[in-house]
């Protein structure tokens, strides 16, 4: 009688353990909510020149000789970006000198682990133009004052066809959020 009771207790414990294992497996297989964790870059952006772009003063560089289908880019930038919560202005420094053969779109992206959030994006910067100020995107996660990891993503485009180049450039940067 005692062994029959012990067997029943063991079966009960086993049923509870199997139930817990099934619940844990079901929970781990549930689809995680999807959020804005990847930034998509346009393959053919609107070909509007960025309204904040200024001509680079005293840029006397000349385009490199490149073969058909090739290209050359020259960049000048700083890796410190500032974002004002009050004005929504993103302050940066990026130049696309005359020596470049491609247009460029600059994205300022905040990174957190695998998640990426588009903070700001320029319009087309033609060779010979620079940008020092962009307006932040509207749908940002809540940010507080402080420093954040980020990157400047440079997307290059053929100035004649608007087709996106095969190579993009990611430059790690620090984004300082201020009041």
N, C-alpha and C. Protein backbone atom coordinates (compact mmCIF):
# COMPACT_ATOMS: atom_id res chain seq x y z
N UNK A 1 0.82 -1.18 0.00
CA UNK A 1 0.00 0.00 0.00
C UNK A 1 0.87 1.25 0.00
N UNK A 2 1.97 1.14 0.76
CA UNK A 2 2.87 2.27 0.83
C UNK A 2 3.53 2.53 -0.52
N UNK A 3 3.91 1.49 -1.24
CA UNK A 3 4.57 1.66 -2.54
C UNK A 3 3.58 2.18 -3.58
N UNK A 4 2.29 1.81 -3.46
CA UNK A 4 1.28 2.31 -4.39
C UNK A 4 1.10 3.81 -4.21
N UNK A 5 1.15 4.28 -2.97
CA UNK A 5 1.01 5.70 -2.69
C UNK A 5 2.24 6.46 -3.19
N UNK A 6 3.42 5.88 -3.03
CA UNK A 6 4.64 6.51 -3.52
C UNK A 6 4.62 6.62 -5.05
N UNK A 7 4.12 5.60 -5.73
CA UNK A 7 4.01 5.63 -7.18
C UNK A 7 3.05 6.73 -7.62
N UNK A 8 1.93 6.88 -6.93
CA UNK A 8 0.96 7.92 -7.26
C UNK A 8 1.57 9.32 -7.06
N UNK A 9 2.35 9.49 -6.01
CA UNK A 9 3.00 10.78 -5.75
C UNK A 9 4.01 11.06 -6.86
N UNK A 10 4.80 10.06 -7.23
CA UNK A 10 5.79 10.23 -8.30
C UNK A 10 5.11 10.56 -9.63
N UNK A 11 3.99 9.90 -9.94
CA UNK A 11 3.25 10.19 -11.17
C UNK A 11 2.72 11.63 -11.13
N UNK A 12 2.22 12.06 -9.99
CA UNK A 12 1.72 13.43 -9.84
C UNK A 12 2.83 14.45 -10.07
N UNK A 13 3.99 14.20 -9.46
CA UNK A 13 5.14 15.11 -9.65
C UNK A 13 5.55 15.12 -11.11
N UNK A 14 5.58 13.97 -11.75
CA UNK A 14 5.94 13.87 -13.16
C UNK A 14 4.96 14.64 -14.04
N UNK A 15 3.66 14.53 -13.77
CA UNK A 15 2.65 15.26 -14.54
C UNK A 15 2.84 16.77 -14.38
N UNK A 16 3.13 17.23 -13.17
CA UNK A 16 3.36 18.65 -12.93
C UNK A 16 4.61 19.12 -13.68
N UNK A 17 5.68 18.35 -13.62
CA UNK A 17 6.91 18.71 -14.33
C UNK A 17 6.69 18.76 -15.84
N UNK A 18 5.99 17.79 -16.40
CA UNK A 18 5.70 17.78 -17.83
C UNK A 18 4.86 19.01 -18.19
N UNK A 19 3.88 19.35 -17.35
CA UNK A 19 3.05 20.54 -17.59
C UNK A 19 3.89 21.81 -17.58
N UNK A 20 4.82 21.93 -16.64
CA UNK A 20 5.69 23.11 -16.57
C UNK A 20 6.57 23.19 -17.81
N UNK A 21 7.12 22.06 -18.23
CA UNK A 21 7.97 22.03 -19.42
C UNK A 21 7.17 22.44 -20.66
N UNK A 22 5.96 21.95 -20.79
CA UNK A 22 5.12 22.32 -21.94
C UNK A 22 4.82 23.81 -21.93
N UNK A 23 4.48 24.37 -20.77
CA UNK A 23 4.22 25.81 -20.67
C UNK A 23 5.44 26.63 -21.04
N UNK A 24 6.61 26.23 -20.56
CA UNK A 24 7.84 26.95 -20.89
C UNK A 24 8.14 26.88 -22.38
N UNK A 25 7.95 25.72 -22.99
CA UNK A 25 8.17 25.58 -24.43
C UNK A 25 7.19 26.43 -25.23
N UNK A 26 5.94 26.45 -24.83
CA UNK A 26 4.95 27.26 -25.53
C UNK A 26 5.29 28.75 -25.42
N UNK A 27 5.72 29.15 -24.26
CA UNK A 27 6.05 30.56 -24.04
C UNK A 27 7.27 30.97 -24.87
N UNK A 28 8.27 30.10 -24.96
CA UNK A 28 9.47 30.44 -25.72
C UNK A 28 9.20 30.44 -27.22
N UNK A 29 8.19 29.71 -27.67
CA UNK A 29 7.88 29.67 -29.10
C UNK A 29 6.93 30.78 -29.54
N UNK A 30 6.37 31.52 -28.60
CA UNK A 30 5.48 32.62 -28.97
C UNK A 30 6.25 33.66 -29.75
N UNK A 31 5.61 34.22 -30.76
CA UNK A 31 6.24 35.25 -31.57
C UNK A 31 6.39 36.51 -30.72
N UNK A 32 7.61 37.03 -30.70
CA UNK A 32 7.87 38.25 -29.97
C UNK A 32 7.24 39.42 -30.72
N UNK A 33 6.75 40.42 -30.01
CA UNK A 33 6.17 41.56 -30.71
C UNK A 33 7.22 42.25 -31.57
N UNK A 34 6.81 42.59 -32.78
CA UNK A 34 7.74 43.25 -33.68
C UNK A 34 7.67 44.75 -33.46
N UNK A 35 8.82 45.37 -33.49
CA UNK A 35 8.88 46.81 -33.32
C UNK A 35 9.80 47.40 -34.35
N UNK A 36 10.03 48.69 -34.26
CA UNK A 36 10.89 49.35 -35.25
C UNK A 36 12.36 49.10 -34.96
N UNK A 37 12.81 47.83 -35.17
CA UNK A 37 14.18 47.51 -34.79
C UNK A 37 15.15 47.51 -35.96
N UNK A 38 14.68 47.72 -37.15
CA UNK A 38 15.57 47.80 -38.30
C UNK A 38 15.22 49.03 -39.11
N UNK A 39 16.23 49.69 -39.60
CA UNK A 39 16.04 50.88 -40.41
C UNK A 39 16.18 50.49 -41.86
N UNK A 40 15.16 50.78 -42.64
CA UNK A 40 15.21 50.45 -44.06
C UNK A 40 15.73 51.65 -44.84
N UNK A 41 16.59 51.36 -45.78
CA UNK A 41 17.14 52.42 -46.63
C UNK A 41 16.50 52.30 -48.00
N UNK A 42 16.15 53.43 -48.59
CA UNK A 42 15.52 53.37 -49.91
C UNK A 42 16.49 52.93 -50.99
N UNK A 43 16.00 52.10 -51.90
CA UNK A 43 16.82 51.71 -53.05
C UNK A 43 16.84 52.82 -54.10
N UNK A 44 15.75 53.55 -54.20
CA UNK A 44 15.64 54.70 -55.11
C UNK A 44 14.98 55.84 -54.32
N UNK A 45 15.79 56.66 -53.67
CA UNK A 45 15.20 57.73 -52.86
C UNK A 45 14.60 58.82 -53.74
N UNK A 46 13.75 59.62 -53.13
CA UNK A 46 13.30 60.79 -53.88
C UNK A 46 14.56 61.59 -54.18
N UNK A 47 14.65 62.11 -55.35
CA UNK A 47 15.89 62.77 -55.77
C UNK A 47 15.92 64.24 -55.38
N UNK A 48 15.25 64.57 -54.30
CA UNK A 48 15.25 65.95 -53.81
C UNK A 48 16.57 66.24 -53.10
N UNK A 49 17.18 67.34 -53.48
CA UNK A 49 18.40 67.78 -52.81
C UNK A 49 18.01 68.23 -51.41
N UNK A 50 18.84 67.89 -50.44
CA UNK A 50 18.54 68.23 -49.05
C UNK A 50 18.42 69.75 -48.89
N UNK A 51 17.33 70.19 -48.26
CA UNK A 51 17.09 71.63 -48.09
C UNK A 51 18.09 72.27 -47.11
N UNK A 52 18.73 71.45 -46.29
CA UNK A 52 19.72 71.96 -45.33
C UNK A 52 21.14 71.93 -45.88
N UNK A 53 21.30 71.45 -47.12
CA UNK A 53 22.65 71.31 -47.70
C UNK A 53 23.20 72.68 -48.09
N UNK A 54 24.47 72.86 -47.81
CA UNK A 54 25.18 74.08 -48.18
C UNK A 54 26.35 73.70 -49.08
N UNK A 55 26.70 74.60 -49.97
CA UNK A 55 27.88 74.40 -50.81
C UNK A 55 29.11 74.38 -49.90
N UNK A 56 30.03 73.46 -50.13
CA UNK A 56 31.26 73.40 -49.34
C UNK A 56 32.15 74.56 -49.78
N UNK A 57 32.50 75.46 -48.86
CA UNK A 57 33.35 76.59 -49.25
C UNK A 57 34.77 76.11 -49.60
N UNK A 58 35.33 76.70 -50.62
CA UNK A 58 36.72 76.46 -51.03
C UNK A 58 37.02 74.99 -51.35
N UNK A 59 36.03 74.25 -51.86
CA UNK A 59 36.26 72.86 -52.25
C UNK A 59 36.72 72.84 -53.70
N UNK A 60 38.02 72.67 -53.89
CA UNK A 60 38.58 72.67 -55.24
C UNK A 60 39.00 71.26 -55.67
N UNK A 61 38.49 70.24 -54.97
CA UNK A 61 38.85 68.86 -55.33
C UNK A 61 38.21 68.52 -56.67
N UNK A 62 38.84 67.59 -57.38
CA UNK A 62 38.32 67.17 -58.69
C UNK A 62 37.98 65.69 -58.65
N UNK A 63 37.03 65.32 -59.47
CA UNK A 63 36.58 63.93 -59.51
C UNK A 63 37.69 63.00 -59.98
N UNK A 64 37.72 61.84 -59.40
CA UNK A 64 38.69 60.81 -59.80
C UNK A 64 38.25 60.20 -61.13
N UNK A 65 39.21 59.75 -61.91
CA UNK A 65 38.89 59.01 -63.13
C UNK A 65 38.52 57.59 -62.72
N UNK A 66 37.30 57.18 -63.07
CA UNK A 66 36.84 55.84 -62.72
C UNK A 66 36.32 55.15 -63.97
N UNK A 67 36.40 53.83 -63.96
CA UNK A 67 35.92 53.06 -65.11
C UNK A 67 34.40 53.02 -65.11
N UNK A 68 33.83 52.64 -66.25
CA UNK A 68 32.38 52.52 -66.39
C UNK A 68 31.83 51.61 -65.30
N UNK A 69 30.82 52.07 -64.59
CA UNK A 69 30.22 51.28 -63.53
C UNK A 69 30.93 51.40 -62.20
N UNK A 70 32.06 52.10 -62.17
CA UNK A 70 32.81 52.27 -60.93
C UNK A 70 32.43 53.56 -60.25
N UNK A 71 33.13 53.87 -59.22
CA UNK A 71 32.85 55.11 -58.51
C UNK A 71 33.94 55.39 -57.49
N UNK A 72 33.89 56.59 -56.98
CA UNK A 72 34.84 57.02 -55.97
C UNK A 72 34.13 57.98 -55.04
N UNK A 73 34.30 57.77 -53.74
CA UNK A 73 33.71 58.71 -52.78
C UNK A 73 34.79 59.19 -51.84
N UNK A 74 34.67 60.43 -51.48
CA UNK A 74 35.54 61.05 -50.50
C UNK A 74 34.62 61.65 -49.46
N UNK A 75 34.91 61.43 -48.18
CA UNK A 75 34.01 61.95 -47.16
C UNK A 75 34.80 62.72 -46.10
N UNK A 76 34.10 63.62 -45.46
CA UNK A 76 34.66 64.36 -44.35
C UNK A 76 33.54 64.47 -43.32
N UNK A 77 33.82 64.07 -42.07
CA UNK A 77 32.77 64.01 -41.06
C UNK A 77 33.36 64.11 -39.67
N UNK A 78 32.49 64.29 -38.67
CA UNK A 78 32.87 64.09 -37.28
C UNK A 78 31.94 63.02 -36.72
N UNK A 79 32.41 62.30 -35.72
CA UNK A 79 31.62 61.21 -35.16
C UNK A 79 30.89 61.61 -33.88
N UNK A 80 30.74 62.91 -33.67
CA UNK A 80 29.96 63.42 -32.53
C UNK A 80 28.72 64.12 -33.06
N UNK A 81 27.56 63.61 -32.68
CA UNK A 81 26.29 64.15 -33.12
C UNK A 81 25.54 64.65 -31.89
N UNK A 82 24.82 65.76 -32.03
CA UNK A 82 24.01 66.28 -30.93
C UNK A 82 22.56 66.34 -31.36
N UNK A 83 21.68 66.02 -30.40
CA UNK A 83 20.23 66.06 -30.66
C UNK A 83 19.57 66.89 -29.57
N UNK A 84 18.86 67.93 -29.97
CA UNK A 84 18.16 68.79 -29.03
C UNK A 84 16.72 68.31 -28.88
N UNK A 85 16.34 67.91 -27.67
CA UNK A 85 14.97 67.50 -27.42
C UNK A 85 14.00 68.67 -27.61
N UNK A 86 14.44 69.87 -27.26
CA UNK A 86 13.57 71.05 -27.33
C UNK A 86 13.24 71.42 -28.77
N UNK A 87 14.24 71.46 -29.64
CA UNK A 87 14.02 71.93 -31.01
C UNK A 87 13.85 70.80 -32.03
N UNK A 88 14.27 69.59 -31.67
CA UNK A 88 14.23 68.48 -32.62
C UNK A 88 15.35 68.54 -33.64
N UNK A 89 16.32 69.43 -33.40
CA UNK A 89 17.43 69.58 -34.34
C UNK A 89 18.54 68.58 -34.05
N UNK A 90 19.05 67.97 -35.10
CA UNK A 90 20.18 67.06 -35.01
C UNK A 90 21.37 67.79 -35.63
N UNK A 91 22.41 68.03 -34.84
CA UNK A 91 23.59 68.74 -35.31
C UNK A 91 24.69 67.73 -35.61
N UNK A 92 25.25 67.82 -36.82
CA UNK A 92 26.30 66.91 -37.24
C UNK A 92 27.19 67.64 -38.23
N UNK A 93 28.22 66.98 -38.69
CA UNK A 93 29.10 67.55 -39.70
C UNK A 93 29.40 66.45 -40.71
N UNK A 94 28.94 66.66 -41.95
CA UNK A 94 29.22 65.71 -43.01
C UNK A 94 29.40 66.48 -44.32
N UNK A 95 30.46 66.15 -45.05
CA UNK A 95 30.72 66.75 -46.35
C UNK A 95 30.85 65.67 -47.42
N UNK A 96 30.29 65.95 -48.59
CA UNK A 96 30.45 65.10 -49.78
C UNK A 96 31.22 65.95 -50.80
N UNK A 97 32.56 65.94 -50.73
CA UNK A 97 33.37 66.83 -51.57
C UNK A 97 33.17 66.61 -53.07
N UNK A 98 33.58 67.59 -53.85
CA UNK A 98 33.49 67.52 -55.32
C UNK A 98 34.19 66.29 -55.88
N UNK A 99 35.19 65.77 -55.18
CA UNK A 99 35.94 64.60 -55.67
C UNK A 99 35.07 63.35 -55.75
N UNK A 100 33.95 63.32 -55.03
CA UNK A 100 33.07 62.15 -55.05
C UNK A 100 32.33 62.06 -56.38
N UNK A 101 32.09 60.83 -56.82
CA UNK A 101 31.34 60.62 -58.05
C UNK A 101 29.89 60.24 -57.78
N UNK A 102 29.52 60.13 -56.50
CA UNK A 102 28.17 59.70 -56.14
C UNK A 102 27.49 60.71 -55.22
N UNK A 103 26.15 60.73 -55.32
CA UNK A 103 25.34 61.43 -54.34
C UNK A 103 25.30 60.58 -53.08
N UNK A 104 24.94 61.20 -51.97
CA UNK A 104 24.87 60.45 -50.72
C UNK A 104 23.66 60.89 -49.91
N UNK A 105 23.09 59.94 -49.17
CA UNK A 105 22.07 60.21 -48.16
C UNK A 105 22.70 59.82 -46.83
N UNK A 106 22.60 60.70 -45.83
CA UNK A 106 23.17 60.43 -44.52
C UNK A 106 22.03 60.09 -43.56
N UNK A 107 22.14 58.95 -42.89
CA UNK A 107 21.20 58.57 -41.84
C UNK A 107 21.93 58.62 -40.50
N UNK A 108 21.28 59.20 -39.49
CA UNK A 108 21.79 59.14 -38.13
C UNK A 108 20.92 58.12 -37.41
N UNK A 109 21.56 57.05 -36.95
CA UNK A 109 20.83 55.91 -36.38
C UNK A 109 21.29 55.69 -34.95
N UNK A 110 20.34 55.56 -34.03
CA UNK A 110 20.63 55.17 -32.65
C UNK A 110 20.64 53.66 -32.60
N UNK A 111 21.62 53.08 -31.90
CA UNK A 111 21.70 51.63 -31.79
C UNK A 111 21.58 51.21 -30.33
N UNK A 112 20.85 50.12 -30.13
CA UNK A 112 20.71 49.55 -28.79
C UNK A 112 20.63 48.04 -28.97
N UNK A 113 21.75 47.36 -28.77
CA UNK A 113 21.79 45.92 -29.03
C UNK A 113 21.54 45.68 -30.50
N UNK A 114 20.53 44.86 -30.82
CA UNK A 114 20.17 44.56 -32.19
C UNK A 114 19.22 45.60 -32.77
N UNK A 115 18.66 46.45 -31.91
CA UNK A 115 17.67 47.42 -32.36
C UNK A 115 18.34 48.67 -32.92
N UNK A 116 17.71 49.23 -33.94
CA UNK A 116 18.19 50.46 -34.56
C UNK A 116 17.00 51.39 -34.73
N UNK A 117 17.22 52.68 -34.45
CA UNK A 117 16.17 53.68 -34.55
C UNK A 117 16.68 54.84 -35.39
N UNK A 118 15.97 55.16 -36.45
CA UNK A 118 16.35 56.26 -37.31
C UNK A 118 16.07 57.57 -36.59
N UNK A 119 17.13 58.31 -36.28
CA UNK A 119 17.00 59.61 -35.61
C UNK A 119 16.75 60.70 -36.64
N UNK A 120 17.50 60.70 -37.74
CA UNK A 120 17.34 61.73 -38.77
C UNK A 120 17.91 61.20 -40.08
N UNK A 121 17.42 61.78 -41.18
CA UNK A 121 17.91 61.39 -42.50
C UNK A 121 17.95 62.63 -43.39
N UNK A 122 19.05 62.76 -44.11
CA UNK A 122 19.17 63.88 -45.06
C UNK A 122 18.46 63.53 -46.35
N UNK A 123 18.31 64.54 -47.18
CA UNK A 123 17.94 64.30 -48.56
C UNK A 123 19.22 64.02 -49.32
N UNK A 124 19.17 64.12 -50.62
CA UNK A 124 20.36 63.88 -51.45
C UNK A 124 21.38 64.99 -51.22
N UNK A 125 22.62 64.59 -50.98
CA UNK A 125 23.75 65.53 -50.93
C UNK A 125 24.59 65.26 -52.16
N UNK A 126 24.59 66.19 -53.07
CA UNK A 126 25.38 66.06 -54.28
C UNK A 126 26.85 66.34 -53.95
N UNK A 127 27.77 65.87 -54.79
CA UNK A 127 29.17 66.22 -54.58
C UNK A 127 29.33 67.74 -54.51
N UNK A 128 30.14 68.18 -53.54
CA UNK A 128 30.36 69.60 -53.34
C UNK A 128 29.46 70.22 -52.29
N UNK A 129 28.64 69.39 -51.63
CA UNK A 129 27.71 69.90 -50.62
C UNK A 129 27.95 69.25 -49.26
N UNK A 130 27.52 69.96 -48.23
CA UNK A 130 27.66 69.49 -46.85
C UNK A 130 26.35 69.71 -46.10
N UNK A 131 26.23 69.03 -44.97
CA UNK A 131 25.07 69.23 -44.11
C UNK A 131 25.57 69.29 -42.66
N UNK A 132 25.01 70.24 -41.90
CA UNK A 132 25.38 70.39 -40.49
C UNK A 132 24.17 70.33 -39.57
N UNK A 133 22.98 70.26 -40.15
CA UNK A 133 21.76 70.25 -39.34
C UNK A 133 20.67 69.48 -40.07
N UNK A 134 20.00 68.61 -39.32
CA UNK A 134 18.85 67.86 -39.84
C UNK A 134 17.73 67.93 -38.81
N UNK A 135 16.53 67.68 -39.25
CA UNK A 135 15.39 67.62 -38.33
C UNK A 135 15.16 66.17 -37.94
N UNK A 136 14.92 65.92 -36.66
CA UNK A 136 14.71 64.55 -36.17
C UNK A 136 13.41 63.98 -36.71
N UNK A 137 13.37 62.67 -36.83
CA UNK A 137 12.16 61.96 -37.23
C UNK A 137 11.10 62.12 -36.14
N UNK A 138 9.85 61.90 -36.50
CA UNK A 138 8.73 62.08 -35.56
C UNK A 138 8.56 60.90 -34.60
N UNK A 139 8.67 59.68 -35.09
CA UNK A 139 8.36 58.49 -34.28
C UNK A 139 9.60 57.90 -33.63
N UNK A 140 10.10 58.60 -32.62
CA UNK A 140 11.29 58.13 -31.91
C UNK A 140 10.89 57.52 -30.58
N UNK A 141 11.70 56.59 -30.07
CA UNK A 141 11.44 56.12 -28.70
C UNK A 141 11.72 57.28 -27.74
N UNK A 142 11.18 57.18 -26.54
CA UNK A 142 11.41 58.23 -25.53
C UNK A 142 12.91 58.27 -25.20
N UNK A 143 13.49 59.45 -25.31
CA UNK A 143 14.91 59.63 -25.02
C UNK A 143 15.07 60.62 -23.88
N UNK A 144 16.09 60.41 -23.08
CA UNK A 144 16.41 61.36 -22.02
C UNK A 144 17.82 61.89 -22.27
N UNK A 145 18.19 62.91 -21.56
CA UNK A 145 19.51 63.50 -21.74
C UNK A 145 20.60 62.47 -21.48
N UNK A 146 21.66 62.56 -22.26
CA UNK A 146 22.79 61.65 -22.07
C UNK A 146 23.38 61.22 -23.40
N UNK A 147 24.33 60.31 -23.33
CA UNK A 147 25.01 59.82 -24.52
C UNK A 147 24.46 58.48 -24.97
N UNK A 148 24.35 58.31 -26.27
CA UNK A 148 23.83 57.08 -26.86
C UNK A 148 24.79 56.60 -27.94
N UNK A 149 24.87 55.28 -28.11
CA UNK A 149 25.63 54.73 -29.23
C UNK A 149 24.82 54.92 -30.49
N UNK A 150 25.53 55.19 -31.57
CA UNK A 150 24.84 55.39 -32.83
C UNK A 150 25.77 55.12 -33.99
N UNK A 151 25.27 55.43 -35.17
CA UNK A 151 26.10 55.32 -36.37
C UNK A 151 25.59 56.28 -37.42
N UNK A 152 26.52 56.74 -38.23
CA UNK A 152 26.17 57.48 -39.43
C UNK A 152 26.17 56.44 -40.54
N UNK A 153 25.04 56.24 -41.17
CA UNK A 153 24.96 55.30 -42.29
C UNK A 153 24.95 56.14 -43.56
N UNK A 154 25.91 55.89 -44.42
CA UNK A 154 26.05 56.63 -45.67
C UNK A 154 25.58 55.75 -46.81
N UNK A 155 24.56 56.21 -47.51
CA UNK A 155 23.97 55.47 -48.63
C UNK A 155 24.34 56.21 -49.91
N UNK A 156 25.04 55.55 -50.80
CA UNK A 156 25.53 56.19 -52.01
C UNK A 156 24.63 55.85 -53.20
N UNK A 157 24.42 56.85 -54.07
CA UNK A 157 23.52 56.70 -55.21
C UNK A 157 24.16 57.27 -56.48
N UNK A 158 23.90 56.59 -57.58
CA UNK A 158 24.37 57.06 -58.88
C UNK A 158 23.63 58.36 -59.21
N UNK A 159 24.33 59.45 -59.50
CA UNK A 159 23.65 60.72 -59.74
C UNK A 159 22.82 60.74 -61.02
N UNK A 160 23.12 59.86 -61.97
CA UNK A 160 22.37 59.85 -63.23
C UNK A 160 21.13 58.97 -63.14
N UNK A 161 21.27 57.78 -62.57
CA UNK A 161 20.14 56.83 -62.56
C UNK A 161 19.38 56.84 -61.23
N UNK A 162 20.01 57.34 -60.16
CA UNK A 162 19.39 57.28 -58.85
C UNK A 162 19.51 55.92 -58.20
N UNK A 163 20.16 54.97 -58.87
CA UNK A 163 20.30 53.62 -58.35
C UNK A 163 21.27 53.60 -57.17
N UNK A 164 20.92 52.84 -56.16
CA UNK A 164 21.75 52.72 -54.98
C UNK A 164 23.01 51.92 -55.29
N UNK A 165 24.13 52.41 -54.79
CA UNK A 165 25.41 51.71 -54.98
C UNK A 165 25.43 50.44 -54.14
N UNK A 166 26.29 49.52 -54.53
CA UNK A 166 26.41 48.24 -53.83
C UNK A 166 26.95 48.43 -52.42
N UNK A 167 27.82 49.40 -52.23
CA UNK A 167 28.51 49.57 -50.96
C UNK A 167 27.91 50.75 -50.18
N UNK A 168 27.61 50.51 -48.92
CA UNK A 168 27.22 51.56 -47.98
C UNK A 168 28.33 51.65 -46.94
N UNK A 169 28.31 52.70 -46.16
CA UNK A 169 29.32 52.86 -45.12
C UNK A 169 28.63 53.14 -43.79
N UNK A 170 29.03 52.43 -42.75
CA UNK A 170 28.55 52.68 -41.38
C UNK A 170 29.72 53.24 -40.57
N UNK A 171 29.50 54.40 -39.95
CA UNK A 171 30.53 55.03 -39.14
C UNK A 171 30.01 55.11 -37.71
N UNK A 172 30.64 54.41 -36.76
CA UNK A 172 30.18 54.51 -35.37
C UNK A 172 30.28 55.96 -34.89
N UNK A 173 29.29 56.37 -34.11
CA UNK A 173 29.29 57.73 -33.59
C UNK A 173 28.64 57.74 -32.20
N UNK A 174 28.80 58.85 -31.53
CA UNK A 174 28.14 59.09 -30.25
C UNK A 174 27.08 60.16 -30.47
N UNK A 175 25.87 59.90 -30.00
CA UNK A 175 24.79 60.87 -30.10
C UNK A 175 24.53 61.41 -28.70
N UNK A 176 24.74 62.69 -28.51
CA UNK A 176 24.50 63.33 -27.23
C UNK A 176 23.14 64.00 -27.27
N UNK A 177 22.25 63.57 -26.38
CA UNK A 177 20.91 64.13 -26.31
C UNK A 177 20.90 65.22 -25.25
N UNK A 178 20.44 66.40 -25.65
CA UNK A 178 20.40 67.56 -24.77
C UNK A 178 18.98 68.09 -24.68
N UNK A 179 18.72 68.89 -23.63
CA UNK A 179 17.39 69.50 -23.49
C UNK A 179 17.06 70.35 -24.61
